[in-house]
């Protein structure tokens, strides 16, 4: 009966279910991108390359590196908290 009821209510409940699915999928993807350590590592490497090329002063490099390392620390803390709660971020 669940299949029949699902088909009968599809015209009414379909759009809200789709909106919910879409919102939760977008939220998961956004969280995955925010928590991506790989992109931060790439930014750190690009920053180092800019310093080596003389595009940044040591002072600018230190400031930007510190900001990236703080972001990395926050990401790792968040992942550790999620892991300890059993939710697990992607």
PDB file of N, CA and C in Angstrom:
ATOM      1  N   UNK A   1       0.820  -1.184   0.000  1.00  0.00           N
ATOM      2  CA  UNK A   1       0.000   0.000   0.000  1.00  0.00           C
ATOM      3  C   UNK A   1       0.870   1.256   0.000  1.00  0.00           C
ATOM      4  N   UNK A   2       2.094   1.171   0.474  1.00  0.00           N
ATOM      5  CA  UNK A   2       2.980   2.326   0.502  1.00  0.00           C
ATOM      6  C   UNK A   2       3.272   2.864  -0.884  1.00  0.00           C
ATOM      7  N   UNK A   3       3.454   1.970  -1.855  1.00  0.00           N
ATOM      8  CA  UNK A   3       3.729   2.392  -3.224  1.00  0.00           C
ATOM      9  C   UNK A   3       2.519   3.093  -3.831  1.00  0.00           C
ATOM     10  N   UNK A   4       1.345   2.502  -3.620  1.00  0.00           N
ATOM     11  CA  UNK A   4       0.119   3.091  -4.160  1.00  0.00           C
ATOM     12  C   UNK A   4      -0.110   4.466  -3.532  1.00  0.00           C
ATOM     13  N   UNK A   5       0.047   4.561  -2.214  1.00  0.00           N
ATOM     14  CA  UNK A   5      -0.155   5.837  -1.527  1.00  0.00           C
ATOM     15  C   UNK A   5       0.873   6.862  -2.001  1.00  0.00           C
ATOM     16  N   UNK A   6       2.092   6.426  -2.207  1.00  0.00           N
ATOM     17  CA  UNK A   6       3.128   7.328  -2.704  1.00  0.00           C
ATOM     18  C   UNK A   6       2.795   7.872  -4.079  1.00  0.00           C
ATOM     19  N   UNK A   7       2.285   7.004  -4.951  1.00  0.00           N
ATOM     20  CA  UNK A   7       1.911   7.444  -6.287  1.00  0.00           C
ATOM     21  C   UNK A   7       0.694   8.375  -6.264  1.00  0.00           C
ATOM     22  N   UNK A   8      -0.252   8.079  -5.386  1.00  0.00           N
ATOM     23  CA  UNK A   8      -1.445   8.922  -5.305  1.00  0.00           C
ATOM     24  C   UNK A   8      -1.140  10.312  -4.743  1.00  0.00           C
ATOM     25  N   UNK A   9      -0.204  10.391  -3.826  1.00  0.00           N
ATOM     26  CA  UNK A   9       0.123  11.681  -3.209  1.00  0.00           C
ATOM     27  C   UNK A   9       1.247  12.416  -3.934  1.00  0.00           C
ATOM     28  N   UNK A  10       1.784  11.806  -4.976  1.00  0.00           N
ATOM     29  CA  UNK A  10       2.900  12.421  -5.701  1.00  0.00           C
ATOM     30  C   UNK A  10       2.587  13.824  -6.232  1.00  0.00           C
ATOM     31  N   UNK A  11       1.426  14.070  -6.829  1.00  0.00           N
ATOM     32  CA  UNK A  11       1.163  15.431  -7.320  1.00  0.00           C
ATOM     33  C   UNK A  11       1.154  16.490  -6.213  1.00  0.00           C
ATOM     34  N   UNK A  12       0.776  16.090  -5.008  1.00  0.00           N
ATOM     35  CA  UNK A  12       0.696  17.051  -3.918  1.00  0.00           C
ATOM     36  C   UNK A  12       2.010  17.120  -3.143  1.00  0.00           C
ATOM     37  N   UNK A  13       2.571  15.958  -2.832  1.00  0.00           N
ATOM     38  CA  UNK A  13       3.754  15.926  -1.978  1.00  0.00           C
ATOM     39  C   UNK A  13       5.069  15.857  -2.751  1.00  0.00           C
ATOM     40  N   UNK A  14       5.003  15.649  -4.054  1.00  0.00           N
ATOM     41  CA  UNK A  14       6.219  15.548  -4.860  1.00  0.00           C
ATOM     42  C   UNK A  14       7.089  16.786  -4.823  1.00  0.00           C
ATOM     43  N   UNK A  15       6.527  17.963  -5.132  1.00  0.00           N
ATOM     44  CA  UNK A  15       7.365  19.170  -5.123  1.00  0.00           C
ATOM     45  C   UNK A  15       8.015  19.473  -3.768  1.00  0.00           C
ATOM     46  N   UNK A  16       7.295  19.365  -2.638  1.00  0.00           N
ATOM     47  CA  UNK A  16       7.980  19.615  -1.359  1.00  0.00           C
ATOM     48  C   UNK A  16       9.078  18.587  -1.064  1.00  0.00           C
ATOM     49  N   UNK A  17       8.830  17.334  -1.439  1.00  0.00           N
ATOM     50  CA  UNK A  17       9.865  16.305  -1.237  1.00  0.00           C
ATOM     51  C   UNK A  17      11.085  16.596  -2.095  1.00  0.00           C
ATOM     52  N   UNK A  18      10.849  17.016  -3.328  1.00  0.00           N
ATOM     53  CA  UNK A  18      11.961  17.361  -4.217  1.00  0.00           C
ATOM     54  C   UNK A  18      12.742  18.548  -3.663  1.00  0.00           C
ATOM     55  N   UNK A  19      12.031  19.560  -3.188  1.00  0.00           N
ATOM     56  CA  UNK A  19      12.699  20.737  -2.617  1.00  0.00           C
ATOM     57  C   UNK A  19      13.534  20.349  -1.401  1.00  0.00           C
ATOM     58  N   UNK A  20      13.000  19.471  -0.558  1.00  0.00           N
ATOM     59  CA  UNK A  20      13.736  19.010   0.626  1.00  0.00           C
ATOM     60  C   UNK A  20      14.979  18.224   0.224  1.00  0.00           C
ATOM     61  N   UNK A  21      14.812  17.325  -0.743  1.00  0.00           N
ATOM     62  CA  UNK A  21      15.951  16.531  -1.202  1.00  0.00           C
ATOM     63  C   UNK A  21      17.029  17.443  -1.797  1.00  0.00           C
ATOM     64  N   UNK A  22      16.591  18.389  -2.620  1.00  0.00           N
ATOM     65  CA  UNK A  22      17.546  19.290  -3.258  1.00  0.00           C
ATOM     66  C   UNK A  22      18.285  20.143  -2.230  1.00  0.00           C
ATOM     67  N   UNK A  23      17.555  20.666  -1.255  1.00  0.00           N
ATOM     68  CA  UNK A  23      18.188  21.492  -0.217  1.00  0.00           C
ATOM     69  C   UNK A  23      19.179  20.679   0.607  1.00  0.00           C
ATOM     70  N   UNK A  24      18.816  19.462   0.976  1.00  0.00           N
ATOM     71  CA  UNK A  24      19.735  18.655   1.784  1.00  0.00           C
ATOM     72  C   UNK A  24      20.955  18.230   0.974  1.00  0.00           C
ATOM     73  N   UNK A  25      20.763  17.937  -0.306  1.00  0.00           N
ATOM     74  CA  UNK A  25      21.896  17.573  -1.162  1.00  0.00           C
ATOM     75  C   UNK A  25      22.847  18.750  -1.331  1.00  0.00           C
ATOM     76  N   UNK A  26      22.294  19.944  -1.567  1.00  0.00           N
ATOM     77  CA  UNK A  26      23.140  21.134  -1.698  1.00  0.00           C
ATOM     78  C   UNK A  26      23.883  21.437  -0.404  1.00  0.00           C
ATOM     79  N   UNK A  27      23.217  21.266   0.723  1.00  0.00           N
ATOM     80  CA  UNK A  27      23.863  21.511   2.014  1.00  0.00           C
ATOM     81  C   UNK A  27      25.017  20.528   2.236  1.00  0.00           C
ATOM     82  N   UNK A  28      24.814  19.263   1.885  1.00  0.00           N
ATOM     83  CA  UNK A  28      25.876  18.265   2.032  1.00  0.00           C
ATOM     84  C   UNK A  28      27.076  18.602   1.157  1.00  0.00           C
ATOM     85  N   UNK A  29      26.816  18.997  -0.088  1.00  0.00           N
ATOM     86  CA  UNK A  29      27.904  19.340  -0.998  1.00  0.00           C
ATOM     87  C   UNK A  29      28.649  20.594  -0.536  1.00  0.00           C
ATOM     88  N   UNK A  30      27.910  21.572  -0.060  1.00  0.00           N
ATOM     89  CA  UNK A  30      28.548  22.797   0.440  1.00  0.00           C
ATOM     90  C   UNK A  30      29.435  22.481   1.636  1.00  0.00           C
ATOM     91  N   UNK A  31      28.941  21.647   2.541  1.00  0.00           N
ATOM     92  CA  UNK A  31      29.735  21.257   3.710  1.00  0.00           C
ATOM     93  C   UNK A  31      30.982  20.492   3.283  1.00  0.00           C
ATOM     94  N   UNK A  32      30.833  19.615   2.309  1.00  0.00           N
ATOM     95  CA  UNK A  32      31.990  18.859   1.816  1.00  0.00           C
ATOM     96  C   UNK A  32      33.047  19.796   1.231  1.00  0.00           C
ATOM     97  N   UNK A  33      32.624  20.825   0.512  1.00  0.00           N
ATOM     98  CA  UNK A  33      33.578  21.767  -0.065  1.00  0.00           C
ATOM     99  C   UNK A  33      34.249  22.618   1.006  1.00  0.00           C
ATOM    100  N   UNK A  34      33.481  23.024   1.995  1.00  0.00           N
ATOM    101  CA  UNK A  34      34.038  23.843   3.075  1.00  0.00           C
ATOM    102  C   UNK A  34      35.042  23.033   3.894  1.00  0.00           C
ATOM    103  N   UNK A  35      34.775  21.739   4.054  1.00  0.00           N
ATOM    104  CA  UNK A  35      35.637  20.889   4.879  1.00  0.00           C
ATOM    105  C   UNK A  35      36.753  20.211   4.087  1.00  0.00           C
ATOM    106  N   UNK A  36      36.947  20.596   2.846  1.00  0.00           N
ATOM    107  CA  UNK A  36      37.966  19.973   2.004  1.00  0.00           C
ATOM    108  C   UNK A  36      39.356  20.490   2.367  1.00  0.00           C
ATOM    109  N   UNK A  37      40.138  19.625   2.990  1.00  0.00           N
ATOM    110  CA  UNK A  37      41.505  20.000   3.379  1.00  0.00           C
ATOM    111  C   UNK A  37      42.415  20.103   2.158  1.00  0.00           C
ATOM    112  N   UNK A  38      42.105  19.372   1.123  1.00  0.00           N
ATOM    113  CA  UNK A  38      42.928  19.386  -0.083  1.00  0.00           C
ATOM    114  C   UNK A  38      42.997  20.756  -0.727  1.00  0.00           C
ATOM    115  N   UNK A  39      41.871  21.448  -0.747  1.00  0.00           N
ATOM    116  CA  UNK A  39      41.880  22.788  -1.355  1.00  0.00           C
ATOM    117  C   UNK A  39      42.710  23.757  -0.517  1.00  0.00           C
ATOM    118  N   UNK A  40      42.676  23.576   0.806  1.00  0.00           N
ATOM    119  CA  UNK A  40      43.510  24.434   1.664  1.00  0.00           C
ATOM    120  C   UNK A  40      44.995  24.149   1.445  1.00  0.00           C
ATOM    121  N   UNK A  41      45.328  22.873   1.302  1.00  0.00           N
ATOM    122  CA  UNK A  41      46.732  22.529   1.028  1.00  0.00           C
ATOM    123  C   UNK A  41      47.187  23.134  -0.297  1.00  0.00           C
ATOM    124  N   UNK A  42      46.295  23.098  -1.295  1.00  0.00           N
ATOM    125  CA  UNK A  42      46.625  23.694  -2.595  1.00  0.00           C
ATOM    126  C   UNK A  42      46.821  25.201  -2.464  1.00  0.00           C
ATOM    127  N   UNK A  43      45.992  25.844  -1.646  1.00  0.00           N
ATOM    128  CA  UNK A  43      46.159  27.284  -1.420  1.00  0.00           C
ATOM    129  C   UNK A  43      47.482  27.572  -0.726  1.00  0.00           C
ATOM    130  N   UNK A  44      47.868  26.717   0.216  1.00  0.00           N
ATOM    131  CA  UNK A  44      49.160  26.896   0.897  1.00  0.00           C
ATOM    132  C   UNK A  44      50.321  26.744  -0.088  1.00  0.00           C
ATOM    133  N   UNK A  45      50.207  25.757  -0.984  1.00  0.00           N
ATOM    134  CA  UNK A  45      51.266  25.557  -1.987  1.00  0.00           C
ATOM    135  C   UNK A  45      51.343  26.753  -2.938  1.00  0.00           C
ATOM    136  N   UNK A  46      50.186  27.258  -3.361  1.00  0.00           N
ATOM    137  CA  UNK A  46      50.169  28.424  -4.255  1.00  0.00           C
ATOM    138  C   UNK A  46      50.751  29.644  -3.552  1.00  0.00           C
ATOM    139  N   UNK A  47      50.470  29.763  -2.273  1.00  0.00           N
ATOM    140  CA  UNK A  47      51.013  30.872  -1.493  1.00  0.00           C
ATOM    141  C   UNK A  47      52.538  30.784  -1.433  1.00  0.00           C
ATOM    142  N   UNK A  48      53.049  29.572  -1.218  1.00  0.00           N
ATOM    143  CA  UNK A  48      54.495  29.361  -1.180  1.00  0.00           C
ATOM    144  C   UNK A  48      55.121  29.703  -2.529  1.00  0.00           C
ATOM    145  N   UNK A  49      54.450  29.299  -3.604  1.00  0.00           N
ATOM    146  CA  UNK A  49      54.964  29.598  -4.937  1.00  0.00           C
ATOM    147  C   UNK A  49      55.006  31.107  -5.186  1.00  0.00           C
ATOM    148  N   UNK A  50      53.988  31.823  -4.716  1.00  0.00           N
ATOM    149  CA  UNK A  50      53.965  33.282  -4.879  1.00  0.00           C
ATOM    150  C   UNK A  50      55.092  33.932  -4.086  1.00  0.00           C
ATOM    151  N   UNK A  51      55.379  33.384  -2.901  1.00  0.00           N
ATOM    152  CA  UNK A  51      56.502  33.912  -2.113  1.00  0.00           C
ATOM    153  C   UNK A  51      57.818  33.657  -2.843  1.00  0.00           C
ATOM    154  N   UNK A  52      57.982  32.438  -3.353  1.00  0.00           N
ATOM    155  CA  UNK A  52      59.210  32.089  -4.069  1.00  0.00           C
ATOM    156  C   UNK A  52      59.399  32.925  -5.336  1.00  0.00           C
ATOM    157  N   UNK A  53      58.284  33.302  -5.965  1.00  0.00           N
ATOM    158  CA  UNK A  53      58.357  34.103  -7.189  1.00  0.00           C
ATOM    159  C   UNK A  53      58.540  35.586  -6.886  1.00  0.00           C
ATOM    160  N   UNK A  54      58.504  35.951  -5.628  1.00  0.00           N
ATOM    161  CA  UNK A  54      58.698  37.342  -5.250  1.00  0.00           C
ATOM    162  C   UNK A  54      57.435  38.189  -5.346  1.00  0.00           C
ATOM    163  N   UNK A  55      56.280  37.540  -5.496  1.00  0.00           N
ATOM    164  CA  UNK A  55      55.017  38.270  -5.594  1.00  0.00           C
ATOM    165  C   UNK A  55      54.502  38.708  -4.226  1.00  0.00           C
ATOM    166  N   UNK A  56      55.011  38.090  -3.170  1.00  0.00           N
ATOM    167  CA  UNK A  56      54.594  38.410  -1.798  1.00  0.00           C
ATOM    168  C   UNK A  56      55.812  38.737  -0.955  1.00  0.00           C
ATOM    169  N   UNK A  57      55.620  39.625   0.002  1.00  0.00           N
ATOM    170  CA  UNK A  57      56.671  39.842   0.988  1.00  0.00           C
ATOM    171  C   UNK A  57      56.531  38.761   2.055  1.00  0.00           C
ATOM    172  N   UNK A  58      57.555  38.595   2.839  1.00  0.00           N
ATOM    173  CA  UNK A  58      57.516  37.594   3.910  1.00  0.00           C
ATOM    174  C   UNK A  58      56.407  37.904   4.908  1.00  0.00           C
ATOM    175  N   UNK A  59      56.181  39.192   5.123  1.00  0.00           N
ATOM    176  CA  UNK A  59      55.129  39.614   6.055  1.00  0.00           C
ATOM    177  C   UNK A  59      53.738  39.226   5.543  1.00  0.00           C
ATOM    178  N   UNK A  60      53.495  39.494   4.249  1.00  0.00           N
ATOM    179  CA  UNK A  60      52.209  39.125   3.650  1.00  0.00           C
ATOM    180  C   UNK A  60      52.029  37.608   3.668  1.00  0.00           C
ATOM    181  N   UNK A  61      53.110  36.916   3.349  1.00  0.00           N
ATOM    182  CA  UNK A  61      53.061  35.460   3.345  1.00  0.00           C
ATOM    183  C   UNK A  61      52.690  34.924   4.727  1.00  0.00           C
ATOM    184  N   UNK A  62      53.359  35.429   5.758  1.00  0.00           N
ATOM    185  CA  UNK A  62      53.089  34.965   7.118  1.00  0.00           C
ATOM    186  C   UNK A  62      51.633  35.205   7.517  1.00  0.00           C
ATOM    187  N   UNK A  63      51.123  36.369   7.168  1.00  0.00           N
ATOM    188  CA  UNK A  63      49.745  36.713   7.514  1.00  0.00           C
ATOM    189  C   UNK A  63      48.756  35.774   6.816  1.00  0.00           C
ATOM    190  N   UNK A  64      48.952  35.572   5.515  1.00  0.00           N
ATOM    191  CA  UNK A  64      48.045  34.716   4.755  1.00  0.00           C
ATOM    192  C   UNK A  64      48.181  33.252   5.152  1.00  0.00           C
ATOM    193  N   UNK A  65      49.423  32.838   5.420  1.00  0.00           N
ATOM    194  CA  UNK A  65      49.640  31.455   5.850  1.00  0.00           C
ATOM    195  C   UNK A  65      48.945  31.201   7.189  1.00  0.00           C
ATOM    196  N   UNK A  66      49.056  32.146   8.108  1.00  0.00           N
ATOM    197  CA  UNK A  66      48.421  31.994   9.418  1.00  0.00           C
ATOM    198  C   UNK A  66      46.904  31.858   9.267  1.00  0.00           C
ATOM    199  N   UNK A  67      46.302  32.652   8.393  1.00  0.00           N
ATOM    200  CA  UNK A  67      44.855  32.569   8.170  1.00  0.00           C
ATOM    201  C   UNK A  67      44.465  31.196   7.620  1.00  0.00           C
ATOM    202  N   UNK A  68      45.250  30.677   6.674  1.00  0.00           N
ATOM    203  CA  UNK A  68      44.953  29.359   6.104  1.00  0.00           C
ATOM    204  C   UNK A  68      45.135  28.254   7.141  1.00  0.00           C
ATOM    205  N   UNK A  69      46.173  28.364   7.950  1.00  0.00           N
ATOM    206  CA  UNK A  69      46.401  27.346   8.981  1.00  0.00           C
ATOM    207  C   UNK A  69      45.306  27.381  10.047  1.00  0.00           C
ATOM    208  N   UNK A  70      44.791  28.558  10.349  1.00  0.00           N
ATOM    209  CA  UNK A  70      43.679  28.654  11.297  1.00  0.00           C
ATOM    210  C   UNK A  70      42.433  27.983  10.725  1.00  0.00           C
ATOM    211  N   UNK A  71      42.182  28.208   9.432  1.00  0.00           N
ATOM    212  CA  UNK A  71      41.040  27.541   8.780  1.00  0.00           C
ATOM    213  C   UNK A  71      41.208  26.031   8.815  1.00  0.00           C
ATOM    214  N   UNK A  72      42.413  25.565   8.564  1.00  0.00           N
ATOM    215  CA  UNK A  72      42.688  24.132   8.599  1.00  0.00           C
ATOM    216  C   UNK A  72      42.458  23.571   9.997  1.00  0.00           C
ATOM    217  N   UNK A  73      42.875  24.308  11.005  1.00  0.00           N
ATOM    218  CA  UNK A  73      42.662  23.881  12.386  1.00  0.00           C
ATOM    219  C   UNK A  73      41.173  23.786  12.717  1.00  0.00           C
ATOM    220  N   UNK A  74      40.404  24.765  12.276  1.00  0.00           N
ATOM    221  CA  UNK A  74      38.956  24.749  12.523  1.00  0.00           C
ATOM    222  C   UNK A  74      38.310  23.552  11.835  1.00  0.00           C
ATOM    223  N   UNK A  75      38.722  23.280  10.610  1.00  0.00           N
ATOM    224  CA  UNK A  75      38.176  22.128   9.874  1.00  0.00           C
ATOM    225  C   UNK A  75      38.480  20.833  10.613  1.00  0.00           C
ATOM    226  N   UNK A  76      39.720  20.682  11.061  1.00  0.00           N
ATOM    227  CA  UNK A  76      40.095  19.448  11.756  1.00  0.00           C
ATOM    228  C   UNK A  76      39.367  19.299  13.085  1.00  0.00           C
ATOM    229  N   UNK A  77      39.173  20.405  13.812  1.00  0.00           N
ATOM    230  CA  UNK A  77      38.408  20.347  15.059  1.00  0.00           C
ATOM    231  C   UNK A  77      36.967  19.939  14.784  1.00  0.00           C
ATOM    232  N   UNK A  78      36.366  20.539  13.754  1.00  0.00           N
ATOM    233  CA  UNK A  78      34.985  20.217  13.404  1.00  0.00           C
ATOM    234  C   UNK A  78      34.848  18.746  13.046  1.00  0.00           C
ATOM    235  N   UNK A  79      35.780  18.239  12.222  1.00  0.00           N
ATOM    236  CA  UNK A  79      35.728  16.830  11.832  1.00  0.00           C
ATOM    237  C   UNK A  79      35.905  15.917  13.038  1.00  0.00           C
ATOM    238  N   UNK A  80      36.790  16.294  13.956  1.00  0.00           N
ATOM    239  CA  UNK A  80      37.002  15.487  15.156  1.00  0.00           C
ATOM    240  C   UNK A  80      35.742  15.468  16.014  1.00  0.00           C
ATOM    241  N   UNK A  81      35.087  16.613  16.147  1.00  0.00           N
ATOM    242  CA  UNK A  81      33.848  16.670  16.932  1.00  0.00           C
ATOM    243  C   UNK A  81      32.754  15.844  16.277  1.00  0.00           C
ATOM    244  N   UNK A  82      32.642  15.931  14.962  1.00  0.00           N
ATOM    245  CA  UNK A  82      31.627  15.157  14.258  1.00  0.00           C
ATOM    246  C   UNK A  82      31.900  13.665  14.396  1.00  0.00           C
ATOM    247  N   UNK A  83      33.167  13.291  14.323  1.00  0.00           N
ATOM    248  CA  UNK A  83      33.536  11.881  14.467  1.00  0.00           C
ATOM    249  C   UNK A  83      33.238  11.355  15.861  1.00  0.00           C
ATOM    250  N   UNK A  84      33.462  12.185  16.889  1.00  0.00           N
ATOM    251  CA  UNK A  84      33.222  11.740  18.250  1.00  0.00           C
ATOM    252  C   UNK A  84      31.721  11.641  18.552  1.00  0.00           C
ATOM    253  N   UNK A  85      30.903  12.385  17.774  1.00  0.00           N
ATOM    254  CA  UNK A  85      29.465  12.312  17.953  1.00  0.00           C
ATOM    255  C   UNK A  85      28.831  11.236  17.083  1.00  0.00           C
ATOM    256  N   UNK A  86      29.652  10.642  16.210  1.00  0.00           N
ATOM    257  CA  UNK A  86      29.165   9.559  15.372  1.00  0.00           C
ATOM    258  C   UNK A  86      28.415  10.018  14.132  1.00  0.00           C
ATOM    259  N   UNK A  87      28.458  11.312  13.817  1.00  0.00           N
ATOM    260  CA  UNK A  87      27.735  11.798  12.635  1.00  0.00           C
ATOM    261  C   UNK A  87      28.565  11.660  11.393  1.00  0.00           C
ATOM    262  N   UNK A  88      29.840  11.959  11.507  1.00  0.00           N
ATOM    263  CA  UNK A  88      30.779  11.802  10.388  1.00  0.00           C
ATOM    264  C   UNK A  88      30.492  12.671   9.186  1.00  0.00           C
ATOM    265  N   UNK A  89      31.279  13.697   8.992  1.00  0.00           N
ATOM    266  CA  UNK A  89      31.180  14.520   7.782  1.00  0.00           C
ATOM    267  C   UNK A  89      31.878  13.797   6.645  1.00  0.00           C
ATOM    268  N   UNK A  90      31.439  14.070   5.424  1.00  0.00           N
ATOM    269  CA  UNK A  90      32.036  13.407   4.266  1.00  0.00           C
ATOM    270  C   UNK A  90      33.434  13.875   4.038  1.00  0.00           C
TER     271      UNK A  90
END
